[in-house]
Protein backbone atom coordinates (compact mmCIF):
# COMPACT_ATOMS: atom_id res chain seq x y z
CA MET A 1 -70.28 41.24 -72.63
CA ASP A 2 -73.24 42.65 -70.65
CA LYS A 3 -71.19 42.48 -67.46
CA ALA A 4 -68.57 44.77 -69.03
CA PHE A 5 -70.97 47.73 -69.12
CA TYR A 6 -71.28 49.81 -65.95
CA GLY A 7 -73.07 52.86 -67.31
CA SER A 8 -71.93 56.18 -68.67
CA VAL A 9 -69.88 59.00 -67.17
CA THR A 10 -69.45 62.67 -67.98
CA VAL A 11 -66.06 64.32 -68.35
CA GLY A 12 -65.93 67.35 -66.08
CA GLU A 13 -64.36 70.73 -66.84
CA ARG A 14 -61.03 69.58 -65.36
CA GLY A 15 -61.07 66.28 -67.32
CA GLN A 16 -62.21 64.19 -64.37
CA ILE A 17 -64.60 61.25 -64.49
CA VAL A 18 -66.24 59.27 -61.69
CA ILE A 19 -65.91 55.51 -61.93
CA PRO A 20 -69.37 54.06 -61.17
CA ALA A 21 -69.70 52.54 -57.68
CA GLU A 22 -70.62 49.10 -59.05
CA ALA A 23 -67.42 49.04 -61.13
CA ARG A 24 -65.28 50.20 -58.19
CA GLU A 25 -66.75 47.53 -55.92
CA GLU A 26 -66.55 44.69 -58.45
CA LEU A 27 -63.02 45.56 -59.57
CA GLY A 28 -61.70 46.41 -56.11
CA PHE A 29 -60.81 50.04 -56.85
CA ASN A 30 -60.32 51.81 -53.53
CA PRO A 31 -59.41 55.38 -52.55
CA GLY A 32 -55.66 55.86 -52.94
CA ASP A 33 -55.21 53.02 -55.46
CA LYS A 34 -52.89 53.69 -58.39
CA LEU A 35 -54.61 53.03 -61.71
CA LEU A 36 -53.07 52.86 -65.15
CA VAL A 37 -54.95 54.74 -67.87
CA MET A 38 -53.91 53.94 -71.40
CA ARG A 39 -55.28 54.30 -74.88
CA ASP A 40 -56.92 51.17 -76.20
CA PRO A 41 -54.47 49.85 -78.80
CA VAL A 42 -57.25 48.86 -81.21
CA HIS A 43 -60.26 51.08 -80.56
CA ASP A 44 -60.78 54.80 -79.99
CA GLY A 45 -61.05 54.74 -76.21
CA ILE A 46 -59.22 54.15 -72.95
CA VAL A 47 -58.52 51.21 -70.65
CA ILE A 48 -58.24 51.63 -66.87
CA PHE A 49 -56.89 48.99 -64.51
CA HIS A 50 -54.85 48.53 -61.36
CA LEU A 51 -51.21 49.40 -61.92
CA GLU A 52 -50.25 46.01 -60.46
CA CYS A 53 -52.17 44.29 -63.28
CA ALA A 54 -50.26 46.01 -66.11
CA ARG A 55 -47.93 43.11 -66.91
CA GLU A 56 -50.75 40.54 -66.87
CA PHE A 57 -52.92 42.72 -69.13
CA LEU A 58 -50.15 43.39 -71.64
CA ASP A 59 -49.07 39.75 -71.77
CA SER A 60 -52.67 38.66 -72.36
CA PHE A 61 -53.18 41.27 -75.06
CA ARG A 62 -49.93 40.26 -76.81
CA ALA A 63 -50.96 36.58 -76.73
CA ARG A 64 -54.26 37.44 -78.46
CA LEU A 65 -52.46 39.44 -81.16
CA GLU A 66 -49.82 36.85 -82.03
CA PRO A 67 -52.19 34.52 -83.95
CA ALA A 68 -53.37 37.47 -86.04
């Protein structure tokens, strides 16, 4: 879980945040990329990932919920 923490960010006056450089590099986020921002379905927070990864993320999440 330690590798999931990149630091903290501050929400600016216009609602913008800066994704830490280490996270952008490790996750391959580049200028111009389309990212999906959605509310975490379980916790009070958000999830951000490449738009192309949406189906994979949702399928994985659904698979983890089915046993519950």
